[in-house]
Amino acid sequence: MLHKASDLSYEQKMALESLLGRAISDRETVSVRAFESPPLSDEQQQEVLDGLDAYFARIDAQRPPLSDEEAEAILDEALRSTRPHYRPLR
């Protein structure tokens, strides 16, 4: 179902903006969908986790070493670029 942002109540708009992590323009149209993920067995979940672990290990092996402070700064910058009001908890 599609909704024009300009037709949403204040509460609806605030809830969507909270979920999206950004402001919604009145010129935007919003689509909301709910769905259930297919159930995975414990074995399937473990296979997915193992695959993700292997993927991230390959990615990590290719990056230059960084200090914890440099890594945190990069993550903070990435979050601020997509969520302008983001502030680190520290």
N, C-alpha and C. Protein backbone atom coordinates (compact mmCIF):
# COMPACT_ATOMS: atom_id res chain seq x y z
N MET A 1 0.84 -1.16 0.00
CA MET A 1 0.00 0.00 0.00
C MET A 1 0.89 1.24 0.00
N LEU A 2 0.59 2.19 -0.84
CA LEU A 2 1.36 3.43 -0.93
C LEU A 2 0.63 4.56 -0.21
N HIS A 3 1.42 5.40 0.45
CA HIS A 3 0.87 6.55 1.16
C HIS A 3 1.67 7.80 0.78
N LYS A 4 0.99 8.87 0.48
CA LYS A 4 1.67 10.14 0.26
C LYS A 4 2.08 10.68 1.62
N ALA A 5 3.32 11.09 1.74
CA ALA A 5 3.81 11.60 3.03
C ALA A 5 2.99 12.79 3.49
N SER A 6 2.53 13.59 2.55
CA SER A 6 1.74 14.78 2.91
C SER A 6 0.39 14.40 3.52
N ASP A 7 -0.08 13.16 3.31
CA ASP A 7 -1.37 12.71 3.86
C ASP A 7 -1.23 12.03 5.22
N LEU A 8 0.00 11.79 5.66
CA LEU A 8 0.21 11.10 6.93
C LEU A 8 -0.04 12.03 8.11
N SER A 9 -0.52 11.46 9.21
CA SER A 9 -0.66 12.24 10.44
C SER A 9 0.74 12.54 10.99
N TYR A 10 0.81 13.48 11.89
CA TYR A 10 2.09 13.83 12.51
C TYR A 10 2.71 12.59 13.17
N GLU A 11 1.90 11.82 13.90
CA GLU A 11 2.40 10.64 14.61
C GLU A 11 2.92 9.59 13.63
N GLN A 12 2.18 9.38 12.54
CA GLN A 12 2.62 8.41 11.54
C GLN A 12 3.94 8.83 10.91
N LYS A 13 4.04 10.11 10.59
CA LYS A 13 5.27 10.63 9.97
C LYS A 13 6.45 10.49 10.94
N MET A 14 6.24 10.80 12.21
CA MET A 14 7.32 10.67 13.20
C MET A 14 7.75 9.22 13.35
N ALA A 15 6.80 8.30 13.35
CA ALA A 15 7.14 6.88 13.48
C ALA A 15 7.97 6.42 12.28
N LEU A 16 7.55 6.80 11.08
CA LEU A 16 8.30 6.41 9.89
C LEU A 16 9.68 7.03 9.87
N GLU A 17 9.78 8.29 10.23
CA GLU A 17 11.09 8.95 10.26
C GLU A 17 12.01 8.29 11.27
N SER A 18 11.45 7.85 12.38
CA SER A 18 12.25 7.14 13.38
C SER A 18 12.77 5.83 12.82
N LEU A 19 11.92 5.10 12.10
CA LEU A 19 12.35 3.83 11.51
C LEU A 19 13.38 4.03 10.40
N LEU A 20 13.17 5.07 9.58
CA LEU A 20 14.08 5.33 8.46
C LEU A 20 15.38 6.00 8.88
N GLY A 21 15.34 6.70 10.01
CA GLY A 21 16.54 7.42 10.47
C GLY A 21 16.78 8.71 9.71
N ARG A 22 15.72 9.26 9.10
CA ARG A 22 15.85 10.52 8.37
C ARG A 22 14.48 11.16 8.24
N ALA A 23 14.48 12.44 7.89
CA ALA A 23 13.23 13.15 7.68
C ALA A 23 12.57 12.72 6.37
N ILE A 24 11.26 12.81 6.32
CA ILE A 24 10.50 12.48 5.12
C ILE A 24 9.95 13.78 4.54
N SER A 25 10.14 13.96 3.26
CA SER A 25 9.61 15.13 2.56
C SER A 25 8.14 14.89 2.22
N ASP A 26 7.33 15.96 2.24
CA ASP A 26 5.93 15.84 1.86
C ASP A 26 5.76 15.41 0.41
N ARG A 27 6.81 15.54 -0.39
CA ARG A 27 6.74 15.13 -1.80
C ARG A 27 6.98 13.63 -1.98
N GLU A 28 7.37 12.95 -0.91
CA GLU A 28 7.67 11.52 -1.01
C GLU A 28 6.41 10.67 -0.88
N THR A 29 6.50 9.48 -1.43
CA THR A 29 5.48 8.46 -1.25
C THR A 29 6.13 7.32 -0.46
N VAL A 30 5.40 6.80 0.50
CA VAL A 30 5.93 5.77 1.39
C VAL A 30 5.19 4.47 1.17
N SER A 31 5.94 3.40 1.09
CA SER A 31 5.37 2.06 0.98
C SER A 31 5.79 1.27 2.21
N VAL A 32 4.84 0.63 2.85
CA VAL A 32 5.13 -0.17 4.04
C VAL A 32 4.69 -1.59 3.76
N ARG A 33 5.58 -2.54 4.02
CA ARG A 33 5.27 -3.95 3.83
C ARG A 33 5.70 -4.72 5.07
N ALA A 34 4.92 -5.69 5.42
CA ALA A 34 5.29 -6.60 6.51
C ALA A 34 5.33 -8.01 5.95
N PHE A 35 6.34 -8.77 6.35
CA PHE A 35 6.43 -10.14 5.88
C PHE A 35 7.17 -10.96 6.92
N GLU A 36 6.89 -12.24 6.89
CA GLU A 36 7.57 -13.16 7.79
C GLU A 36 8.72 -13.82 7.06
N SER A 37 9.85 -13.87 7.71
CA SER A 37 10.99 -14.59 7.14
C SER A 37 10.70 -16.08 7.21
N PRO A 38 11.15 -16.81 6.21
CA PRO A 38 10.94 -18.27 6.28
C PRO A 38 11.72 -18.84 7.46
N PRO A 39 11.12 -19.78 8.15
CA PRO A 39 11.83 -20.36 9.31
C PRO A 39 13.07 -21.13 8.85
N LEU A 40 14.13 -20.96 9.60
CA LEU A 40 15.38 -21.68 9.32
C LEU A 40 15.65 -22.64 10.47
N SER A 41 16.10 -23.82 10.12
CA SER A 41 16.49 -24.78 11.16
C SER A 41 17.78 -24.27 11.82
N ASP A 42 18.09 -24.84 12.97
CA ASP A 42 19.34 -24.48 13.66
C ASP A 42 20.54 -24.72 12.75
N GLU A 43 20.49 -25.82 11.99
CA GLU A 43 21.59 -26.14 11.08
C GLU A 43 21.70 -25.10 9.97
N GLN A 44 20.57 -24.67 9.42
CA GLN A 44 20.59 -23.65 8.36
C GLN A 44 21.11 -22.31 8.91
N GLN A 45 20.68 -21.95 10.11
CA GLN A 45 21.17 -20.72 10.72
C GLN A 45 22.68 -20.77 10.90
N GLN A 46 23.19 -21.91 11.35
CA GLN A 46 24.63 -22.05 11.55
C GLN A 46 25.38 -21.95 10.23
N GLU A 47 24.82 -22.53 9.15
CA GLU A 47 25.44 -22.43 7.82
C GLU A 47 25.52 -20.98 7.36
N VAL A 48 24.45 -20.23 7.58
CA VAL A 48 24.44 -18.82 7.20
C VAL A 48 25.49 -18.06 8.01
N LEU A 49 25.54 -18.30 9.31
CA LEU A 49 26.53 -17.62 10.16
C LEU A 49 27.96 -17.98 9.75
N ASP A 50 28.19 -19.24 9.45
CA ASP A 50 29.53 -19.66 9.02
C ASP A 50 29.91 -18.97 7.71
N GLY A 51 28.95 -18.87 6.79
CA GLY A 51 29.21 -18.18 5.52
C GLY A 51 29.53 -16.71 5.72
N LEU A 52 28.80 -16.06 6.63
CA LEU A 52 29.09 -14.65 6.92
C LEU A 52 30.46 -14.49 7.58
N ASP A 53 30.78 -15.39 8.51
CA ASP A 53 32.10 -15.33 9.15
C ASP A 53 33.21 -15.45 8.11
N ALA A 54 33.06 -16.39 7.18
CA ALA A 54 34.08 -16.58 6.14
C ALA A 54 34.17 -15.35 5.23
N TYR A 55 33.01 -14.80 4.87
CA TYR A 55 32.99 -13.60 4.02
C TYR A 55 33.72 -12.44 4.69
N PHE A 56 33.38 -12.16 5.94
CA PHE A 56 34.01 -11.03 6.63
C PHE A 56 35.50 -11.29 6.90
N ALA A 57 35.88 -12.53 7.10
CA ALA A 57 37.30 -12.85 7.26
C ALA A 57 38.07 -12.52 5.98
N ARG A 58 37.48 -12.84 4.80
CA ARG A 58 38.13 -12.50 3.52
C ARG A 58 38.24 -10.99 3.35
N ILE A 59 37.19 -10.28 3.70
CA ILE A 59 37.20 -8.80 3.59
C ILE A 59 38.25 -8.22 4.53
N ASP A 60 38.26 -8.68 5.77
CA ASP A 60 39.21 -8.17 6.76
C ASP A 60 40.65 -8.43 6.35
N ALA A 61 40.89 -9.56 5.69
CA ALA A 61 42.26 -9.91 5.27
C ALA A 61 42.78 -8.94 4.22
N GLN A 62 41.90 -8.26 3.50
CA GLN A 62 42.31 -7.36 2.43
C GLN A 62 42.49 -5.92 2.88
N ARG A 63 42.03 -5.57 4.06
CA ARG A 63 42.11 -4.16 4.48
C ARG A 63 43.41 -3.89 5.22
N PRO A 64 43.89 -2.67 5.10
CA PRO A 64 45.10 -2.32 5.85
C PRO A 64 44.79 -2.27 7.35
N PRO A 65 45.80 -2.51 8.17
CA PRO A 65 45.57 -2.46 9.62
C PRO A 65 45.21 -1.04 10.06
N LEU A 66 44.27 -0.95 10.99
CA LEU A 66 43.83 0.32 11.55
C LEU A 66 43.83 0.23 13.06
N SER A 67 44.03 1.37 13.70
CA SER A 67 43.87 1.41 15.15
C SER A 67 42.38 1.40 15.45
N ASP A 68 42.03 1.08 16.70
CA ASP A 68 40.62 1.10 17.09
C ASP A 68 40.02 2.48 16.90
N GLU A 69 40.81 3.52 17.18
CA GLU A 69 40.32 4.90 17.05
C GLU A 69 40.02 5.23 15.58
N GLU A 70 40.91 4.80 14.67
CA GLU A 70 40.68 5.04 13.24
C GLU A 70 39.44 4.31 12.74
N ALA A 71 39.26 3.08 13.19
CA ALA A 71 38.09 2.30 12.78
C ALA A 71 36.80 2.95 13.29
N GLU A 72 36.81 3.39 14.54
CA GLU A 72 35.63 4.07 15.11
C GLU A 72 35.32 5.36 14.35
N ALA A 73 36.36 6.12 13.99
CA ALA A 73 36.15 7.37 13.25
C ALA A 73 35.53 7.10 11.88
N ILE A 74 35.97 6.05 11.22
CA ILE A 74 35.42 5.68 9.91
C ILE A 74 33.95 5.28 10.05
N LEU A 75 33.64 4.47 11.05
CA LEU A 75 32.26 4.06 11.27
C LEU A 75 31.37 5.26 11.61
N ASP A 76 31.86 6.14 12.48
CA ASP A 76 31.09 7.34 12.84
C ASP A 76 30.82 8.21 11.61
N GLU A 77 31.82 8.38 10.77
CA GLU A 77 31.65 9.18 9.55
C GLU A 77 30.61 8.55 8.62
N ALA A 78 30.65 7.23 8.48
CA ALA A 78 29.69 6.54 7.62
C ALA A 78 28.27 6.69 8.16
N LEU A 79 28.12 6.55 9.47
CA LEU A 79 26.79 6.71 10.07
C LEU A 79 26.28 8.14 9.93
N ARG A 80 27.14 9.12 10.13
CA ARG A 80 26.72 10.53 9.99
C ARG A 80 26.35 10.87 8.56
N SER A 81 26.98 10.20 7.58
CA SER A 81 26.67 10.50 6.18
C SER A 81 25.29 10.00 5.80
N THR A 82 24.79 8.97 6.49
CA THR A 82 23.45 8.46 6.19
C THR A 82 22.41 8.90 7.21
N ARG A 83 22.87 9.28 8.39
CA ARG A 83 21.97 9.76 9.45
C ARG A 83 22.58 11.03 10.02
N PRO A 84 22.24 12.18 9.44
CA PRO A 84 22.88 13.44 9.81
C PRO A 84 22.83 13.78 11.29
N HIS A 85 21.82 13.30 12.02
CA HIS A 85 21.70 13.63 13.45
C HIS A 85 22.34 12.58 14.35
N TYR A 86 23.07 11.64 13.74
CA TYR A 86 23.72 10.59 14.52
C TYR A 86 24.79 11.17 15.44
N ARG A 87 24.80 10.72 16.69
CA ARG A 87 25.84 11.09 17.64
C ARG A 87 26.30 9.83 18.34
N PRO A 88 27.63 9.60 18.39
CA PRO A 88 28.12 8.40 19.09
C PRO A 88 27.72 8.41 20.56
N LEU A 89 27.57 7.23 21.15
CA LEU A 89 27.16 7.13 22.54
C LEU A 89 28.27 7.45 23.53
N ARG A 90 29.51 7.39 23.09
CA ARG A 90 30.61 7.59 24.02
C ARG A 90 30.73 9.03 24.45
